[in-house]
Amino acid sequence: MKRQTFLNFCLAALTAFLTSCASGPSGPGWTTLIDGGKGLDNWNMIGEANWREQDGAIVADKGTSGFLVTKTAYQDFVVYAEFWAATDTNSGIFIRASDPKKVGADNSYEVNIWDIRPDPSYGTGGIVNFAKVPVPTVYRAGGQWNTMEITAKGSNIMVKLNGAITAQLQDSKFPSGPFALQFGPGVNNALGGPIKWRKVMVKSF
């Protein structure tokens, strides 16, 4: 094996190892909603997704669409999540939902996880209808474990994917509400790829 190839292999292996061992933020004020395969009872389920505990995560891979919705509303907060998605997964975190029984992009801020979204300007890392990502899309989540951090404080919202800022927004349309984890349909309403959440934590300001 050539030296450069070997070094690249070692770097990729180290990155994968560090990502797989991520344990989330520490310090006072954090509430853990998902920890490995535990925490499903911290959420209200809406829709038809087959949410379940499997292989150390909360997983959905069947059903037309569905959400896990927090039982608490949040105004100013930061949410931290570790997730695995396939290339064709349509998922996301919807924050400040004004209707917790009917979550959608029309009543919340949808932070997207969808690498192959037909309109890529609001693909993975973007805030649908509010904050675009670069096109061609440079942020990808498929086939690996990822971290996502969303900070909402007043009218300011910032999204980080794997430590990189992917979207920033100043808007006050949705001031508060619960947040929700999505399992959504794929392109042309085909079955979307699986989504796995192994850590979700939230901290109010």
Protein backbone atom coordinates (compact mmCIF):
# COMPACT_ATOMS: atom_id res chain seq x y z
CA MET A 1 0.00 0.00 0.00
CA LYS A 2 1.41 3.41 -0.97
CA ARG A 3 2.24 5.78 1.88
CA GLN A 4 -0.32 8.44 0.87
CA THR A 5 -3.03 5.83 0.38
CA PHE A 6 -2.23 4.35 3.78
CA LEU A 7 -2.35 7.78 5.45
CA ASN A 8 -5.70 8.53 3.81
CA PHE A 9 -7.03 5.18 5.02
CA CYS A 10 -5.86 5.87 8.58
CA LEU A 11 -7.41 9.34 8.54
CA ALA A 12 -10.75 7.98 7.32
CA ALA A 13 -10.68 5.23 9.94
CA LEU A 14 -9.87 7.72 12.70
CA THR A 15 -12.69 10.02 11.60
CA ALA A 16 -15.16 7.13 11.56
CA PHE A 17 -13.99 6.00 14.99
CA LEU A 18 -14.32 9.45 16.54
CA THR A 19 -17.76 9.93 15.01
CA SER A 20 -18.95 6.53 16.25
CA CYS A 21 -17.77 7.36 19.77
CA ALA A 22 -19.43 10.77 19.97
CA SER A 23 -21.11 11.14 23.34
CA GLY A 24 -22.77 14.53 23.06
CA PRO A 25 -22.21 17.78 24.94
CA SER A 26 -21.61 17.90 28.68
CA GLY A 27 -22.33 20.42 31.39
CA PRO A 28 -25.39 21.63 33.29
CA GLY A 29 -28.76 22.30 31.72
CA TRP A 30 -28.86 19.51 29.15
CA THR A 31 -31.81 17.12 28.92
CA THR A 32 -31.25 13.83 27.10
CA LEU A 33 -34.27 12.71 25.08
CA ILE A 34 -32.63 9.83 23.18
CA ASP A 35 -29.65 7.89 24.46
CA GLY A 36 -28.84 4.91 22.28
CA GLY A 37 -31.98 2.82 22.04
CA LYS A 38 -33.57 4.47 25.06
CA GLY A 39 -35.97 7.39 25.15
CA LEU A 40 -38.85 6.53 22.84
CA ASP A 41 -41.29 7.27 25.66
CA ASN A 42 -40.05 10.89 25.77
CA TRP A 43 -41.87 11.62 22.49
CA ASN A 44 -45.36 11.77 21.04
CA MET A 45 -45.70 9.81 17.79
CA ILE A 46 -47.73 11.18 14.90
CA GLY A 47 -48.05 9.69 11.42
CA GLU A 48 -47.38 6.15 10.27
CA ALA A 49 -43.64 5.60 10.67
CA ASN A 50 -42.55 2.39 12.43
CA TRP A 51 -40.43 4.00 15.15
CA ARG A 52 -38.70 1.44 17.36
CA GLU A 53 -35.58 0.72 19.39
CA GLN A 54 -33.01 -1.21 17.36
CA ASP A 55 -29.23 -1.70 17.47
CA GLY A 56 -28.60 1.09 19.95
CA ALA A 57 -30.73 3.73 18.24
CA ILE A 58 -34.30 4.86 17.60
CA VAL A 59 -35.04 3.80 14.04
CA ALA A 60 -37.72 4.22 11.35
CA ASP A 61 -37.64 2.67 7.88
CA LYS A 62 -41.26 1.98 6.89
CA GLY A 63 -44.51 3.91 6.64
CA THR A 64 -45.57 6.85 4.53
CA SER A 65 -44.43 9.55 6.95
CA GLY A 66 -44.15 10.16 10.65
CA PHE A 67 -42.70 12.26 13.44
CA LEU A 68 -41.45 11.99 16.98
CA VAL A 69 -42.60 15.20 18.69
CA THR A 70 -41.26 16.50 22.00
CA LYS A 71 -43.74 16.73 24.86
CA THR A 72 -42.34 20.15 25.79
CA ALA A 73 -42.39 23.42 23.85
CA TYR A 74 -39.14 25.36 23.46
CA GLN A 75 -38.46 29.00 22.66
CA ASP A 76 -34.73 29.73 23.03
CA PHE A 77 -32.67 26.55 23.00
CA VAL A 78 -29.99 24.42 21.40
CA VAL A 79 -30.65 20.87 20.25
CA TYR A 80 -27.86 18.39 19.59
CA ALA A 81 -28.45 15.19 17.62
CA GLU A 82 -26.46 12.22 16.35
CA PHE A 83 -28.04 10.42 13.42
CA TRP A 84 -27.40 7.99 10.59
CA ALA A 85 -29.07 8.42 7.22
CA ALA A 86 -28.95 6.66 3.88
CA THR A 87 -28.39 8.61 0.67
CA ASP A 88 -32.13 8.43 -0.10
CA THR A 89 -33.31 9.24 3.43
CA ASN A 90 -35.77 12.13 3.78
CA SER A 91 -35.64 13.31 7.36
CA GLY A 92 -35.00 16.41 9.41
CA ILE A 93 -35.60 18.26 12.63
CA PHE A 94 -38.63 20.57 12.67
CA ILE A 95 -38.28 23.23 15.37
CA ARG A 96 -40.79 25.60 17.00
CA ALA A 97 -43.76 23.73 15.57
CA SER A 98 -46.95 25.73 16.10
CA ASP A 99 -49.18 22.64 15.75
CA PRO A 100 -47.68 19.59 17.48
CA LYS A 101 -50.35 17.30 16.02
CA LYS A 102 -49.68 18.27 12.40
CA VAL A 103 -46.02 19.12 11.96
CA GLY A 104 -44.89 20.51 8.61
CA ALA A 105 -42.75 23.09 6.85
CA ASP A 106 -45.70 25.49 6.86
CA ASN A 107 -45.89 25.70 10.66
CA SER A 108 -42.28 25.22 11.78
CA TYR A 109 -38.67 25.64 10.70
CA GLU A 110 -37.64 22.46 8.87
CA VAL A 111 -33.93 21.76 9.18
CA ASN A 112 -33.49 19.26 6.38
CA ILE A 113 -31.71 15.92 6.05
CA TRP A 114 -32.20 14.90 2.42
CA ASP A 115 -29.14 14.48 0.21
CA ILE A 116 -31.09 13.90 -3.02
CA ARG A 117 -33.89 16.43 -2.57
CA PRO A 118 -35.29 17.31 -6.04
CA ASP A 119 -34.68 21.01 -5.29
CA PRO A 120 -31.17 20.78 -3.80
CA SER A 121 -31.12 24.40 -2.63
CA TYR A 122 -32.92 23.29 0.54
CA GLY A 123 -31.16 19.94 0.86
CA THR A 124 -29.23 18.56 3.82
CA GLY A 125 -28.28 21.33 6.24
CA GLY A 126 -30.72 23.90 4.89
CA ILE A 127 -33.84 25.38 6.47
CA VAL A 128 -36.64 24.67 4.00
CA ASN A 129 -38.16 27.83 2.47
CA PHE A 130 -35.91 30.04 4.61
CA ALA A 131 -32.16 29.37 4.31
CA LYS A 132 -30.56 27.72 1.29
CA VAL A 133 -27.38 25.67 1.11
CA PRO A 134 -24.78 26.02 -1.67
CA VAL A 135 -25.68 24.35 -4.96
CA PRO A 136 -24.15 22.02 -6.10
CA THR A 137 -24.82 20.68 -2.62
CA VAL A 138 -21.67 20.30 -0.55
CA TYR A 139 -23.29 18.90 2.60
CA ARG A 140 -24.01 15.17 2.64
CA ALA A 141 -25.22 12.89 5.41
CA GLY A 142 -25.82 9.59 3.64
CA GLY A 143 -24.03 6.43 4.69
CA GLN A 144 -22.47 7.69 7.90
CA TRP A 145 -23.09 8.87 11.44
CA ASN A 146 -23.47 12.64 11.68
CA THR A 147 -23.93 15.34 14.27
CA MET A 148 -26.41 18.19 13.93
CA GLU A 149 -26.67 21.18 16.24
CA ILE A 150 -29.45 23.76 15.97
CA THR A 151 -29.35 26.94 18.02
CA ALA A 152 -32.50 29.10 18.21
CA LYS A 153 -32.32 32.30 20.21
CA GLY A 154 -34.93 34.95 19.59
CA SER A 155 -35.14 35.51 15.85
CA ASN A 156 -31.70 33.99 15.19
CA ILE A 157 -31.31 30.37 14.11
CA MET A 158 -28.06 28.61 13.24
CA VAL A 159 -27.52 25.08 11.96
CA LYS A 160 -24.32 23.05 12.15
CA LEU A 161 -23.77 19.71 10.43
CA ASN A 162 -20.69 17.82 11.58
CA GLY A 163 -19.33 21.05 13.04
CA ALA A 164 -19.76 23.17 9.89
CA ILE A 165 -22.28 26.02 9.76
CA THR A 166 -24.72 25.13 6.97
CA ALA A 167 -27.49 27.70 7.50
CA GLN A 168 -28.17 30.92 9.40
CA LEU A 169 -31.48 32.71 9.61
CA GLN A 170 -33.02 35.76 11.20
CA ASP A 171 -36.79 35.35 11.29
CA SER A 172 -39.57 35.50 13.88
CA LYS A 173 -42.44 33.73 12.11
CA PHE A 174 -42.43 30.77 14.52
CA PRO A 175 -41.47 31.99 18.02
CA SER A 176 -41.82 28.77 20.04
CA GLY A 177 -43.09 25.22 20.06
CA PRO A 178 -41.97 21.60 20.32
CA PHE A 179 -39.46 20.12 17.91
CA ALA A 180 -39.89 16.94 15.91
CA LEU A 181 -37.78 14.23 14.28
CA GLN A 182 -38.98 13.15 10.84
CA PHE A 183 -39.17 9.99 8.79
CA GLY A 184 -40.36 11.10 5.37
CA PRO A 185 -41.10 9.73 1.90
CA GLY A 186 -38.50 9.57 -0.83
CA VAL A 187 -38.52 11.10 -4.30
CA ASN A 188 -41.94 10.87 -6.00
CA ASN A 189 -43.41 9.50 -2.74
CA ALA A 190 -41.32 6.34 -2.92
CA LEU A 191 -40.30 4.73 0.36
CA GLY A 192 -37.57 6.84 1.90
CA GLY A 193 -34.34 5.45 3.29
CA PRO A 194 -33.96 4.66 6.99
CA ILE A 195 -33.19 7.18 9.71
CA LYS A 196 -31.47 6.30 12.98
CA TRP A 197 -31.19 8.62 16.00
CA ARG A 198 -28.77 7.53 18.71
CA LYS A 199 -28.49 10.76 20.69
CA VAL A 200 -30.79 13.77 21.04
CA MET A 201 -30.18 16.39 23.72
CA VAL A 202 -31.71 19.81 24.32
CA LYS A 203 -30.79 22.79 26.48
CA SER A 204 -32.98 25.84 27.05
CA PHE A 205 -31.47 29.31 27.45
